[in-house]
């Protein structure tokens, strides 16, 4: 008698969002997302620097069922994108993370600062100083909080992880540039498992690395390519409560799934249908309706991931994948148990 590993399967649930540059019920080039209390979902739109699209740089708060709750983030023109940028503004936002109180922390890699908001988007404070010294940052990207509300930040162009308290006070750092075990090259995404171990999407090295909270190297998996378990610029990483690891394989347009040991399990390539917000927009535009009617193979064209850049999981084992290029979030439900008993 041996334990039989059951296949890990996923059921497509629905799609959230549509492209919307002006704010409100949509996203524009979403780059990060995280789950909040209840059914809240926070989606960060990076947007562009085109003046007409300044409002697109924002965090949208909605429910998993696509009810719009609010948004926050102040627009600024390029000439104001410096250390004196107004409080609560974004220019090149990269990630959003929530502390235990539901406060939202937003990293901006151009301004090299972290902006802190209440769970409803009221600005609280900011911090961040450019540089490579202790507590200084150079293009911060992914962030995650541990159980003690310490913030683990990927300091991307310094090729390291820094740890701060919630007020922005420096605690410690680890990581150096390189290609060897435990070394990093322009890392991007980050997550933490139930044991407090840290997973890093090592972007330029096309791999995922696992560390203890104090930076001890534990394991790595992945290499450059487009085969099973290979990556072409991994951006987001998430670990569910069962230890399953999810990676947005950005340039391969897929989400890859691994077991806790880093062994390849399966991949998702997208199953999108029109979201509730998208349907509402189409229904008020006769030309859009007519275009969808005459377009051949429309459903098949809409399904696939294009630019999947961030992934989040919740305690219900729902998987949320943000697509930067298509300005939407696809939602999946994990189906299978990890193991089943029985003879082989």
C-alpha atoms as a PDB file:
ATOM      1  CA  UNK A   1       0.000   0.000   0.000  1.00  0.00           C
ATOM      2  CA  UNK A   2       1.363   3.407  -0.980  1.00  0.00           C
ATOM      3  CA  UNK A   3      -0.097   6.867  -0.981  1.00  0.00           C
ATOM      4  CA  UNK A   4      -1.390   7.823  -4.388  1.00  0.00           C
ATOM      5  CA  UNK A   5      -0.930  11.447  -5.420  1.00  0.00           C
ATOM      6  CA  UNK A   6      -4.190  12.796  -6.711  1.00  0.00           C
ATOM      7  CA  UNK A   7      -4.109  15.139  -9.715  1.00  0.00           C
ATOM      8  CA  UNK A   8      -4.446  18.809  -8.906  1.00  0.00           C
ATOM      9  CA  UNK A   9      -7.329  20.244 -10.897  1.00  0.00           C
ATOM     10  CA  UNK A  10      -9.014  23.610 -11.154  1.00  0.00           C
ATOM     11  CA  UNK A  11     -12.461  24.785 -12.186  1.00  0.00           C
ATOM     12  CA  UNK A  12     -12.826  28.126 -13.925  1.00  0.00           C
ATOM     13  CA  UNK A  13     -15.217  30.332 -11.955  1.00  0.00           C
ATOM     14  CA  UNK A  14     -15.537  33.747 -13.612  1.00  0.00           C
ATOM     15  CA  UNK A  15     -13.757  36.849 -14.822  1.00  0.00           C
ATOM     16  CA  UNK A  16     -13.607  40.194 -13.013  1.00  0.00           C
ATOM     17  CA  UNK A  17     -13.124  43.541 -14.724  1.00  0.00           C
ATOM     18  CA  UNK A  18     -12.617  45.096 -18.105  1.00  0.00           C
ATOM     19  CA  UNK A  19     -10.388  47.810 -19.543  1.00  0.00           C
ATOM     20  CA  UNK A  20     -11.306  51.215 -18.137  1.00  0.00           C
ATOM     21  CA  UNK A  21      -8.957  54.192 -18.186  1.00  0.00           C
ATOM     22  CA  UNK A  22     -11.179  56.679 -16.358  1.00  0.00           C
ATOM     23  CA  UNK A  23     -11.617  54.754 -13.143  1.00  0.00           C
ATOM     24  CA  UNK A  24     -14.722  53.124 -11.779  1.00  0.00           C
ATOM     25  CA  UNK A  25     -15.743  49.623 -12.779  1.00  0.00           C
ATOM     26  CA  UNK A  26     -12.638  48.438 -14.573  1.00  0.00           C
ATOM     27  CA  UNK A  27      -8.848  48.226 -14.597  1.00  0.00           C
ATOM     28  CA  UNK A  28      -6.090  49.551 -16.840  1.00  0.00           C
ATOM     29  CA  UNK A  29      -2.944  47.441 -17.038  1.00  0.00           C
ATOM     30  CA  UNK A  30      -3.392  45.767 -13.625  1.00  0.00           C
ATOM     31  CA  UNK A  31      -0.073  44.716 -12.148  1.00  0.00           C
ATOM     32  CA  UNK A  32      -0.832  43.453  -8.623  1.00  0.00           C
ATOM     33  CA  UNK A  33      -3.760  42.208  -6.543  1.00  0.00           C
ATOM     34  CA  UNK A  34      -4.476  40.962  -3.055  1.00  0.00           C
ATOM     35  CA  UNK A  35      -7.426  39.613  -1.084  1.00  0.00           C
ATOM     36  CA  UNK A  36      -8.907  41.611   1.783  1.00  0.00           C
ATOM     37  CA  UNK A  37     -11.429  40.928   4.529  1.00  0.00           C
ATOM     38  CA  UNK A  38     -14.714  39.308   3.597  1.00  0.00           C
ATOM     39  CA  UNK A  39     -14.884  39.146  -0.170  1.00  0.00           C
ATOM     40  CA  UNK A  40     -12.784  42.252  -0.830  1.00  0.00           C
ATOM     41  CA  UNK A  41     -10.278  42.287  -3.655  1.00  0.00           C
ATOM     42  CA  UNK A  42      -7.706  45.056  -4.179  1.00  0.00           C
ATOM     43  CA  UNK A  43      -6.442  45.439  -7.767  1.00  0.00           C
ATOM     44  CA  UNK A  44      -3.595  47.839  -8.589  1.00  0.00           C
ATOM     45  CA  UNK A  45      -3.613  49.378 -12.093  1.00  0.00           C
ATOM     46  CA  UNK A  46      -0.211  50.600 -13.282  1.00  0.00           C
ATOM     47  CA  UNK A  47      -1.584  52.529 -16.267  1.00  0.00           C
ATOM     48  CA  UNK A  48       0.510  54.635 -18.619  1.00  0.00           C
ATOM     49  CA  UNK A  49       2.162  58.035 -18.650  1.00  0.00           C
ATOM     50  CA  UNK A  50      -0.176  59.381 -21.347  1.00  0.00           C
ATOM     51  CA  UNK A  51      -1.779  62.556 -19.900  1.00  0.00           C
ATOM     52  CA  UNK A  52      -5.296  61.537 -20.860  1.00  0.00           C
ATOM     53  CA  UNK A  53      -4.873  58.310 -18.896  1.00  0.00           C
ATOM     54  CA  UNK A  54      -3.492  59.656 -15.609  1.00  0.00           C
ATOM     55  CA  UNK A  55      -6.566  58.470 -13.647  1.00  0.00           C
ATOM     56  CA  UNK A  56      -5.756  54.895 -14.633  1.00  0.00           C
ATOM     57  CA  UNK A  57      -3.051  54.684 -11.924  1.00  0.00           C
ATOM     58  CA  UNK A  58      -5.183  53.542  -9.022  1.00  0.00           C
ATOM     59  CA  UNK A  59      -6.191  50.782  -6.655  1.00  0.00           C
ATOM     60  CA  UNK A  60      -9.694  49.469  -7.299  1.00  0.00           C
ATOM     61  CA  UNK A  61     -11.552  47.898  -4.381  1.00  0.00           C
ATOM     62  CA  UNK A  62     -14.249  45.435  -5.423  1.00  0.00           C
ATOM     63  CA  UNK A  63     -15.736  42.166  -4.260  1.00  0.00           C
ATOM     64  CA  UNK A  64     -15.001  38.755  -5.689  1.00  0.00           C
ATOM     65  CA  UNK A  65     -18.500  38.955  -7.196  1.00  0.00           C
ATOM     66  CA  UNK A  66     -17.544  42.207  -8.983  1.00  0.00           C
ATOM     67  CA  UNK A  67     -19.317  44.763  -6.823  1.00  0.00           C
ATOM     68  CA  UNK A  68     -17.422  48.058  -6.973  1.00  0.00           C
ATOM     69  CA  UNK A  69     -16.612  49.367  -3.481  1.00  0.00           C
ATOM     70  CA  UNK A  70     -14.263  52.248  -4.261  1.00  0.00           C
ATOM     71  CA  UNK A  71     -10.870  53.291  -5.572  1.00  0.00           C
ATOM     72  CA  UNK A  72      -7.921  55.418  -4.520  1.00  0.00           C
ATOM     73  CA  UNK A  73      -4.744  56.916  -5.921  1.00  0.00           C
ATOM     74  CA  UNK A  74      -3.977  60.469  -7.014  1.00  0.00           C
ATOM     75  CA  UNK A  75      -2.963  61.325 -10.580  1.00  0.00           C
ATOM     76  CA  UNK A  76       0.250  63.267 -11.234  1.00  0.00           C
ATOM     77  CA  UNK A  77       1.877  64.491 -14.484  1.00  0.00           C
ATOM     78  CA  UNK A  78       5.456  63.381 -15.267  1.00  0.00           C
ATOM     79  CA  UNK A  79       6.927  66.736 -14.243  1.00  0.00           C
ATOM     80  CA  UNK A  80       5.711  66.132 -10.682  1.00  0.00           C
ATOM     81  CA  UNK A  81       6.981  62.553 -10.461  1.00  0.00           C
ATOM     82  CA  UNK A  82       9.823  63.153  -8.027  1.00  0.00           C
ATOM     83  CA  UNK A  83      10.456  63.142  -4.293  1.00  0.00           C
ATOM     84  CA  UNK A  84       7.952  65.977  -3.836  1.00  0.00           C
ATOM     85  CA  UNK A  85       5.098  64.095  -5.527  1.00  0.00           C
ATOM     86  CA  UNK A  86       1.796  64.724  -3.716  1.00  0.00           C
ATOM     87  CA  UNK A  87       0.771  62.419  -0.892  1.00  0.00           C
ATOM     88  CA  UNK A  88      -1.233  59.439  -2.099  1.00  0.00           C
ATOM     89  CA  UNK A  89      -0.067  59.718  -5.716  1.00  0.00           C
ATOM     90  CA  UNK A  90       1.398  56.981  -7.922  1.00  0.00           C
ATOM     91  CA  UNK A  91       3.584  57.073 -11.004  1.00  0.00           C
ATOM     92  CA  UNK A  92       4.998  53.559 -11.556  1.00  0.00           C
ATOM     93  CA  UNK A  93       3.124  51.516  -8.926  1.00  0.00           C
ATOM     94  CA  UNK A  94       4.214  47.899  -8.653  1.00  0.00           C
ATOM     95  CA  UNK A  95       2.393  46.124  -5.830  1.00  0.00           C
ATOM     96  CA  UNK A  96      -0.247  46.308  -3.133  1.00  0.00           C
ATOM     97  CA  UNK A  97      -0.230  44.417   0.186  1.00  0.00           C
ATOM     98  CA  UNK A  98      -2.468  44.495   3.268  1.00  0.00           C
ATOM     99  CA  UNK A  99      -1.419  44.378   6.918  1.00  0.00           C
ATOM    100  CA  UNK A 100      -3.442  42.650   9.642  1.00  0.00           C
ATOM    101  CA  UNK A 101      -5.584  45.768  10.109  1.00  0.00           C
ATOM    102  CA  UNK A 102      -6.476  45.890   6.433  1.00  0.00           C
ATOM    103  CA  UNK A 103      -4.320  48.942   5.705  1.00  0.00           C
ATOM    104  CA  UNK A 104      -3.134  48.984   2.092  1.00  0.00           C
ATOM    105  CA  UNK A 105       0.561  49.474   1.302  1.00  0.00           C
ATOM    106  CA  UNK A 106       1.393  50.460  -2.291  1.00  0.00           C
ATOM    107  CA  UNK A 107       4.944  50.356  -3.685  1.00  0.00           C
ATOM    108  CA  UNK A 108       6.021  52.766  -6.429  1.00  0.00           C
ATOM    109  CA  UNK A 109       9.261  51.954  -8.258  1.00  0.00           C
ATOM    110  CA  UNK A 110       9.663  55.405  -9.835  1.00  0.00           C
ATOM    111  CA  UNK A 111       9.068  57.373  -6.661  1.00  0.00           C
ATOM    112  CA  UNK A 112      10.932  54.747  -4.586  1.00  0.00           C
ATOM    113  CA  UNK A 113       8.403  54.999  -1.821  1.00  0.00           C
ATOM    114  CA  UNK A 114       5.637  53.153  -0.030  1.00  0.00           C
ATOM    115  CA  UNK A 115       2.270  54.855   0.430  1.00  0.00           C
ATOM    116  CA  UNK A 116      -0.049  53.640   3.176  1.00  0.00           C
ATOM    117  CA  UNK A 117      -3.853  53.902   3.078  1.00  0.00           C
ATOM    118  CA  UNK A 118      -6.749  52.716   5.210  1.00  0.00           C
ATOM    119  CA  UNK A 119      -8.718  49.747   3.915  1.00  0.00           C
ATOM    120  CA  UNK A 120     -11.098  52.218   2.265  1.00  0.00           C
ATOM    121  CA  UNK A 121      -8.366  54.244   0.591  1.00  0.00           C
ATOM    122  CA  UNK A 122      -7.753  57.194   2.908  1.00  0.00           C
ATOM    123  CA  UNK A 123      -4.080  58.200   2.806  1.00  0.00           C
ATOM    124  CA  UNK A 124      -2.200  57.724   6.092  1.00  0.00           C
ATOM    125  CA  UNK A 125       1.535  58.146   5.497  1.00  0.00           C
ATOM    126  CA  UNK A 126       4.450  57.484   3.171  1.00  0.00           C
ATOM    127  CA  UNK A 127       8.090  56.462   3.477  1.00  0.00           C
ATOM    128  CA  UNK A 128      11.048  55.500   1.326  1.00  0.00           C
ATOM    129  CA  UNK A 129      14.483  56.854   0.427  1.00  0.00           C
ATOM    130  CA  UNK A 130      16.307  56.013  -2.836  1.00  0.00           C
ATOM    131  CA  UNK A 131      19.653  54.251  -2.520  1.00  0.00           C
ATOM    132  CA  UNK A 132      21.340  50.961  -1.682  1.00  0.00           C
ATOM    133  CA  UNK A 133      22.002  51.379   2.040  1.00  0.00           C
ATOM    134  CA  UNK A 134      20.069  49.776   4.876  1.00  0.00           C
ATOM    135  CA  UNK A 135      16.436  50.830   4.543  1.00  0.00           C
ATOM    136  CA  UNK A 136      17.024  52.566   1.205  1.00  0.00           C
ATOM    137  CA  UNK A 137      15.304  51.210  -1.902  1.00  0.00           C
ATOM    138  CA  UNK A 138      15.872  51.004  -5.641  1.00  0.00           C
ATOM    139  CA  UNK A 139      12.670  50.131  -7.487  1.00  0.00           C
ATOM    140  CA  UNK A 140      10.617  48.246  -4.886  1.00  0.00           C
ATOM    141  CA  UNK A 141       8.285  45.600  -6.279  1.00  0.00           C
ATOM    142  CA  UNK A 142       6.531  42.717  -4.487  1.00  0.00           C
ATOM    143  CA  UNK A 143       5.512  42.937  -0.828  1.00  0.00           C
ATOM    144  CA  UNK A 144       4.047  40.593   1.766  1.00  0.00           C
ATOM    145  CA  UNK A 145       3.403  40.815   5.520  1.00  0.00           C
ATOM    146  CA  UNK A 146       4.354  38.125   8.012  1.00  0.00           C
ATOM    147  CA  UNK A 147       2.232  37.167  11.022  1.00  0.00           C
ATOM    148  CA  UNK A 148       3.905  39.875  13.124  1.00  0.00           C
ATOM    149  CA  UNK A 149       3.009  42.608  10.613  1.00  0.00           C
ATOM    150  CA  UNK A 150       6.572  42.983   9.385  1.00  0.00           C
ATOM    151  CA  UNK A 151       6.729  43.966   5.723  1.00  0.00           C
ATOM    152  CA  UNK A 152       8.943  41.879   3.430  1.00  0.00           C
ATOM    153  CA  UNK A 153       9.732  43.990   0.357  1.00  0.00           C
ATOM    154  CA  UNK A 154      11.463  42.948  -2.842  1.00  0.00           C
ATOM    155  CA  UNK A 155      14.075  45.662  -3.429  1.00  0.00           C
ATOM    156  CA  UNK A 156      14.349  44.736  -7.090  1.00  0.00           C
ATOM    157  CA  UNK A 157      17.276  46.737  -8.470  1.00  0.00           C
ATOM    158  CA  UNK A 158      19.257  46.156  -5.293  1.00  0.00           C
ATOM    159  CA  UNK A 159      18.679  42.403  -5.828  1.00  0.00           C
ATOM    160  CA  UNK A 160      17.583  41.781  -2.261  1.00  0.00           C
ATOM    161  CA  UNK A 161      14.728  41.539   0.205  1.00  0.00           C
ATOM    162  CA  UNK A 162      14.341  44.120   2.960  1.00  0.00           C
ATOM    163  CA  UNK A 163      12.195  43.808   6.073  1.00  0.00           C
ATOM    164  CA  UNK A 164      10.501  46.806   7.687  1.00  0.00           C
ATOM    165  CA  UNK A 165       7.981  47.331  10.435  1.00  0.00           C
ATOM    166  CA  UNK A 166       4.630  48.874   9.539  1.00  0.00           C
ATOM    167  CA  UNK A 167       5.969  52.383  10.118  1.00  0.00           C
ATOM    168  CA  UNK A 168       8.767  51.889   7.596  1.00  0.00           C
ATOM    169  CA  UNK A 169      11.574  51.356  10.106  1.00  0.00           C
ATOM    170  CA  UNK A 170      14.333  49.112   8.756  1.00  0.00           C
ATOM    171  CA  UNK A 171      14.701  45.719  10.464  1.00  0.00           C
ATOM    172  CA  UNK A 172      16.984  43.621   8.279  1.00  0.00           C
ATOM    173  CA  UNK A 173      17.910  42.617   4.738  1.00  0.00           C
ATOM    174  CA  UNK A 174      19.186  39.629   2.789  1.00  0.00           C
ATOM    175  CA  UNK A 175      20.113  38.713  -0.771  1.00  0.00           C
ATOM    176  CA  UNK A 176      22.832  39.612  -3.262  1.00  0.00           C
ATOM    177  CA  UNK A 177      23.006  39.818  -7.044  1.00  0.00           C
ATOM    178  CA  UNK A 178      23.974  36.680  -8.915  1.00  0.00           C
ATOM    179  CA  UNK A 179      22.903  33.382 -10.433  1.00  0.00           C
ATOM    180  CA  UNK A 180      23.969  30.954  -7.695  1.00  0.00           C
ATOM    181  CA  UNK A 181      21.826  29.390  -5.002  1.00  0.00           C
ATOM    182  CA  UNK A 182      20.293  32.136  -2.865  1.00  0.00           C
ATOM    183  CA  UNK A 183      21.415  34.898  -5.235  1.00  0.00           C
ATOM    184  CA  UNK A 184      18.916  37.104  -7.059  1.00  0.00           C
ATOM    185  CA  UNK A 185      18.691  38.976 -10.338  1.00  0.00           C
ATOM    186  CA  UNK A 186      15.989  41.641 -10.564  1.00  0.00           C
ATOM    187  CA  UNK A 187      13.510  39.725  -8.382  1.00  0.00           C
ATOM    188  CA  UNK A 188       9.857  40.724  -8.594  1.00  0.00           C
ATOM    189  CA  UNK A 189       7.107  38.730  -6.843  1.00  0.00           C
ATOM    190  CA  UNK A 190       7.044  37.439  -3.269  1.00  0.00           C
ATOM    191  CA  UNK A 191       4.833  35.358  -0.994  1.00  0.00           C
ATOM    192  CA  UNK A 192       5.053  33.531   2.328  1.00  0.00           C
ATOM    193  CA  UNK A 193       3.744  30.078   3.228  1.00  0.00           C
ATOM    194  CA  UNK A 194       2.063  28.878   6.408  1.00  0.00           C
ATOM    195  CA  UNK A 195       5.456  28.150   7.992  1.00  0.00           C
ATOM    196  CA  UNK A 196       6.758  31.658   7.350  1.00  0.00           C
ATOM    197  CA  UNK A 197       9.129  30.639   4.566  1.00  0.00           C
ATOM    198  CA  UNK A 198       9.540  33.134   1.718  1.00  0.00           C
ATOM    199  CA  UNK A 199       9.152  32.460  -2.006  1.00  0.00           C
ATOM    200  CA  UNK A 200      10.703  34.839  -4.545  1.00  0.00           C
ATOM    201  CA  UNK A 201      10.022  35.116  -8.274  1.00  0.00           C
ATOM    202  CA  UNK A 202      13.630  35.506  -9.412  1.00  0.00           C
ATOM    203  CA  UNK A 203      12.740  37.307 -12.630  1.00  0.00           C
ATOM    204  CA  UNK A 204      15.972  37.539 -14.589  1.00  0.00           C
ATOM    205  CA  UNK A 205      17.106  34.077 -13.446  1.00  0.00           C
ATOM    206  CA  UNK A 206      13.825  32.466 -14.609  1.00  0.00           C
ATOM    207  CA  UNK A 207      13.276  30.549 -11.394  1.00  0.00           C
ATOM    208  CA  UNK A 208      11.564  30.492  -8.019  1.00  0.00           C
ATOM    209  CA  UNK A 209      13.633  30.419  -4.845  1.00  0.00           C
ATOM    210  CA  UNK A 210      12.551  29.556  -1.317  1.00  0.00           C
ATOM    211  CA  UNK A 211      14.171  31.036   1.795  1.00  0.00           C
ATOM    212  CA  UNK A 212      13.637  31.094   5.523  1.00  0.00           C
ATOM    213  CA  UNK A 213      12.400  34.433   6.864  1.00  0.00           C
ATOM    214  CA  UNK A 214      15.977  35.385   7.745  1.00  0.00           C
ATOM    215  CA  UNK A 215      17.253  34.640   4.250  1.00  0.00           C
ATOM    216  CA  UNK A 216      18.641  31.108   4.455  1.00  0.00           C
ATOM    217  CA  UNK A 217      18.394  29.431   1.048  1.00  0.00           C
ATOM    218  CA  UNK A 218      16.144  26.341   1.074  1.00  0.00           C
ATOM    219  CA  UNK A 219      15.441  25.352  -2.519  1.00  0.00           C
ATOM    220  CA  UNK A 220      14.988  26.518  -6.084  1.00  0.00           C
ATOM    221  CA  UNK A 221      13.105  25.295  -9.137  1.00  0.00           C
ATOM    222  CA  UNK A 222      12.704  26.366 -12.730  1.00  0.00           C
ATOM    223  CA  UNK A 223      14.960  27.287 -15.655  1.00  0.00           C
ATOM    224  CA  UNK A 224      14.655  29.299 -18.850  1.00  0.00           C
ATOM    225  CA  UNK A 225      12.335  27.949 -21.533  1.00  0.00           C
ATOM    226  CA  UNK A 226       8.721  27.189 -22.381  1.00  0.00           C
ATOM    227  CA  UNK A 227       8.436  23.550 -21.333  1.00  0.00           C
ATOM    228  CA  UNK A 228       6.707  22.209 -18.243  1.00  0.00           C
ATOM    229  CA  UNK A 229       8.358  23.761 -15.193  1.00  0.00           C
ATOM    230  CA  UNK A 230      10.381  26.227 -17.250  1.00  0.00           C
ATOM    231  CA  UNK A 231       9.870  29.992 -17.164  1.00  0.00           C
ATOM    232  CA  UNK A 232      10.203  33.047 -19.350  1.00  0.00           C
ATOM    233  CA  UNK A 233      10.311  35.915 -16.839  1.00  0.00           C
ATOM    234  CA  UNK A 234       8.222  34.744 -13.855  1.00  0.00           C
ATOM    235  CA  UNK A 235       6.569  37.705 -12.152  1.00  0.00           C
ATOM    236  CA  UNK A 236       4.104  36.602  -9.473  1.00  0.00           C
ATOM    237  CA  UNK A 237       4.216  33.785  -6.932  1.00  0.00           C
ATOM    238  CA  UNK A 238       1.614  32.640  -4.401  1.00  0.00           C
ATOM    239  CA  UNK A 239       1.374  29.701  -1.979  1.00  0.00           C
ATOM    240  CA  UNK A 240      -1.950  28.326  -0.779  1.00  0.00           C
ATOM    241  CA  UNK A 241      -2.708  26.851   2.651  1.00  0.00           C
ATOM    242  CA  UNK A 242      -1.950  23.351   1.353  1.00  0.00           C
ATOM    243  CA  UNK A 243       1.501  24.387   0.166  1.00  0.00           C
ATOM    244  CA  UNK A 244       0.714  24.396  -3.555  1.00  0.00           C
ATOM    245  CA  UNK A 245       2.799  27.004  -5.382  1.00  0.00           C
ATOM    246  CA  UNK A 246       1.459  29.184  -8.215  1.00  0.00           C
ATOM    247  CA  UNK A 247       3.659  31.153 -10.624  1.00  0.00           C
ATOM    248  CA  UNK A 248       2.633  33.626 -13.315  1.00  0.00           C
ATOM    249  CA  UNK A 249       4.906  32.755 -16.214  1.00  0.00           C
ATOM    250  CA  UNK A 250       4.579  36.184 -17.827  1.00  0.00           C
ATOM    251  CA  UNK A 251       6.118  35.798 -21.268  1.00  0.00           C
ATOM    252  CA  UNK A 252       4.812  32.246 -21.682  1.00  0.00           C
ATOM    253  CA  UNK A 253       1.248  33.515 -21.042  1.00  0.00           C
ATOM    254  CA  UNK A 254       0.376  30.878 -18.463  1.00  0.00           C
ATOM    255  CA  UNK A 255       0.049  30.080 -14.762  1.00  0.00           C
ATOM    256  CA  UNK A 256       2.156  27.127 -13.658  1.00  0.00           C
ATOM    257  CA  UNK A 257       1.352  25.076 -10.566  1.00  0.00           C
ATOM    258  CA  UNK A 258       3.867  23.156  -8.414  1.00  0.00           C
ATOM    259  CA  UNK A 259       3.733  20.963  -5.329  1.00  0.00           C
ATOM    260  CA  UNK A 260       5.436  22.044  -2.071  1.00  0.00           C
ATOM    261  CA  UNK A 261       8.713  20.434  -3.228  1.00  0.00           C
ATOM    262  CA  UNK A 262       8.734  22.529  -6.401  1.00  0.00           C
ATOM    263  CA  UNK A 263       7.708  19.671  -8.700  1.00  0.00           C
ATOM    264  CA  UNK A 264       5.570  20.602 -11.682  1.00  0.00           C
ATOM    265  CA  UNK A 265       1.887  19.636 -11.393  1.00  0.00           C
ATOM    266  CA  UNK A 266      -0.071  21.391 -14.107  1.00  0.00           C
ATOM    267  CA  UNK A 267      -0.666  24.700 -15.846  1.00  0.00           C
ATOM    268  CA  UNK A 268      -3.558  26.996 -16.674  1.00  0.00           C
ATOM    269  CA  UNK A 269      -3.682  28.981 -19.901  1.00  0.00           C
ATOM    270  CA  UNK A 270      -6.948  30.870 -19.395  1.00  0.00           C
ATOM    271  CA  UNK A 271     -10.676  30.209 -19.645  1.00  0.00           C
ATOM    272  CA  UNK A 272     -12.063  33.749 -19.564  1.00  0.00           C
ATOM    273  CA  UNK A 273     -15.631  34.668 -20.323  1.00  0.00           C
ATOM    274  CA  UNK A 274     -17.032  38.194 -20.467  1.00  0.00           C
ATOM    275  CA  UNK A 275     -17.157  39.715 -16.980  1.00  0.00           C
ATOM    276  CA  UNK A 276     -20.242  41.302 -15.442  1.00  0.00           C
ATOM    277  CA  UNK A 277     -18.739  44.765 -15.899  1.00  0.00           C
ATOM    278  CA  UNK A 278     -17.746  43.898 -19.449  1.00  0.00           C
ATOM    279  CA  UNK A 279     -21.251  42.697 -20.297  1.00  0.00           C
ATOM    280  CA  UNK A 280     -22.784  45.871 -18.879  1.00  0.00           C
ATOM    281  CA  UNK A 281     -20.551  47.977 -21.120  1.00  0.00           C
ATOM    282  CA  UNK A 282     -21.276  45.895 -24.227  1.00  0.00           C
ATOM    283  CA  UNK A 283     -25.033  45.962 -23.677  1.00  0.00           C
ATOM    284  CA  UNK A 284     -25.183  49.773 -23.829  1.00  0.00           C
ATOM    285  CA  UNK A 285     -23.200  49.920 -27.078  1.00  0.00           C
ATOM    286  CA  UNK A 286     -25.066  48.542 -30.140  1.00  0.00           C
ATOM    287  CA  UNK A 287     -21.894  48.626 -32.241  1.00  0.00           C
ATOM    288  CA  UNK A 288     -20.039  46.533 -29.694  1.00  0.00           C
ATOM    289  CA  UNK A 289     -22.909  44.065 -29.562  1.00  0.00           C
ATOM    290  CA  UNK A 290     -22.953  43.790 -33.351  1.00  0.00           C
ATOM    291  CA  UNK A 291     -19.185  43.369 -33.470  1.00  0.00           C
ATOM    292  CA  UNK A 292     -19.333  40.477 -31.031  1.00  0.00           C
ATOM    293  CA  UNK A 293     -22.094  38.832 -33.044  1.00  0.00           C
ATOM    294  CA  UNK A 294     -20.133  38.812 -36.292  1.00  0.00           C
ATOM    295  CA  UNK A 295     -16.695  38.043 -34.852  1.00  0.00           C
ATOM    296  CA  UNK A 296     -15.634  34.473 -35.575  1.00  0.00           C
ATOM    297  CA  UNK A 297     -14.369  32.259 -32.757  1.00  0.00           C
ATOM    298  CA  UNK A 298     -14.750  35.143 -30.294  1.00  0.00           C
ATOM    299  CA  UNK A 299     -15.071  32.955 -27.217  1.00  0.00           C
ATOM    300  CA  UNK A 300     -11.897  31.052 -28.038  1.00  0.00           C
ATOM    301  CA  UNK A 301     -10.029  34.316 -28.649  1.00  0.00           C
ATOM    302  CA  UNK A 302     -11.137  35.770 -25.306  1.00  0.00           C
ATOM    303  CA  UNK A 303     -10.230  32.770 -23.151  1.00  0.00           C
ATOM    304  CA  UNK A 304      -6.406  32.710 -23.090  1.00  0.00           C
ATOM    305  CA  UNK A 305      -4.170  34.569 -20.675  1.00  0.00           C
ATOM    306  CA  UNK A 306      -2.286  37.478 -22.208  1.00  0.00           C
ATOM    307  CA  UNK A 307       0.360  38.908 -19.926  1.00  0.00           C
ATOM    308  CA  UNK A 308      -0.564  37.155 -16.653  1.00  0.00           C
ATOM    309  CA  UNK A 309       1.479  39.134 -14.148  1.00  0.00           C
ATOM    310  CA  UNK A 310       0.185  38.536 -10.617  1.00  0.00           C
ATOM    311  CA  UNK A 311      -1.498  35.740  -8.689  1.00  0.00           C
ATOM    312  CA  UNK A 312      -3.247  35.597  -5.316  1.00  0.00           C
ATOM    313  CA  UNK A 313      -4.932  32.746  -3.443  1.00  0.00           C
ATOM    314  CA  UNK A 314      -7.348  32.806  -0.529  1.00  0.00           C
ATOM    315  CA  UNK A 315      -8.351  30.471   2.276  1.00  0.00           C
ATOM    316  CA  UNK A 316     -11.149  29.053   0.127  1.00  0.00           C
ATOM    317  CA  UNK A 317      -8.490  27.889  -2.371  1.00  0.00           C
ATOM    318  CA  UNK A 318      -9.668  30.334  -4.993  1.00  0.00           C
ATOM    319  CA  UNK A 319      -6.940  31.455  -7.391  1.00  0.00           C
ATOM    320  CA  UNK A 320      -6.954  35.009  -8.825  1.00  0.00           C
ATOM    321  CA  UNK A 321      -4.806  35.773 -11.874  1.00  0.00           C
ATOM    322  CA  UNK A 322      -4.358  39.380 -13.034  1.00  0.00           C
ATOM    323  CA  UNK A 323      -3.742  39.866 -16.754  1.00  0.00           C
ATOM    324  CA  UNK A 324      -1.896  43.095 -17.421  1.00  0.00           C
ATOM    325  CA  UNK A 325      -2.486  43.187 -21.183  1.00  0.00           C
ATOM    326  CA  UNK A 326      -6.203  42.344 -21.067  1.00  0.00           C
ATOM    327  CA  UNK A 327      -7.014  44.383 -17.950  1.00  0.00           C
ATOM    328  CA  UNK A 328      -8.933  41.655 -16.143  1.00  0.00           C
ATOM    329  CA  UNK A 329      -8.740  39.019 -13.413  1.00  0.00           C
ATOM    330  CA  UNK A 330      -9.577  35.368 -14.026  1.00  0.00           C
ATOM    331  CA  UNK A 331     -10.781  33.339 -11.033  1.00  0.00           C
ATOM    332  CA  UNK A 332     -10.357  29.588 -10.572  1.00  0.00           C
ATOM    333  CA  UNK A 333     -11.354  27.148  -7.828  1.00  0.00           C
ATOM    334  CA  UNK A 334      -8.928  24.464  -6.737  1.00  0.00           C
ATOM    335  CA  UNK A 335     -10.782  21.145  -6.844  1.00  0.00           C
ATOM    336  CA  UNK A 336      -8.820  18.136  -5.683  1.00  0.00           C
ATOM    337  CA  UNK A 337      -7.421  16.951  -2.389  1.00  0.00           C
ATOM    338  CA  UNK A 338      -3.661  16.531  -2.311  1.00  0.00           C
ATOM    339  CA  UNK A 339      -3.634  12.836  -1.513  1.00  0.00           C
ATOM    340  CA  UNK A 340      -5.904   9.839  -1.654  1.00  0.00           C
ATOM    341  CA  UNK A 341      -5.278   6.473  -0.075  1.00  0.00           C
ATOM    342  CA  UNK A 342      -5.442   3.175  -1.919  1.00  0.00           C
ATOM    343  CA  UNK A 343      -3.351   0.509  -3.525  1.00  0.00           C
ATOM    344  CA  UNK A 344      -1.506   0.964  -6.822  1.00  0.00           C
END
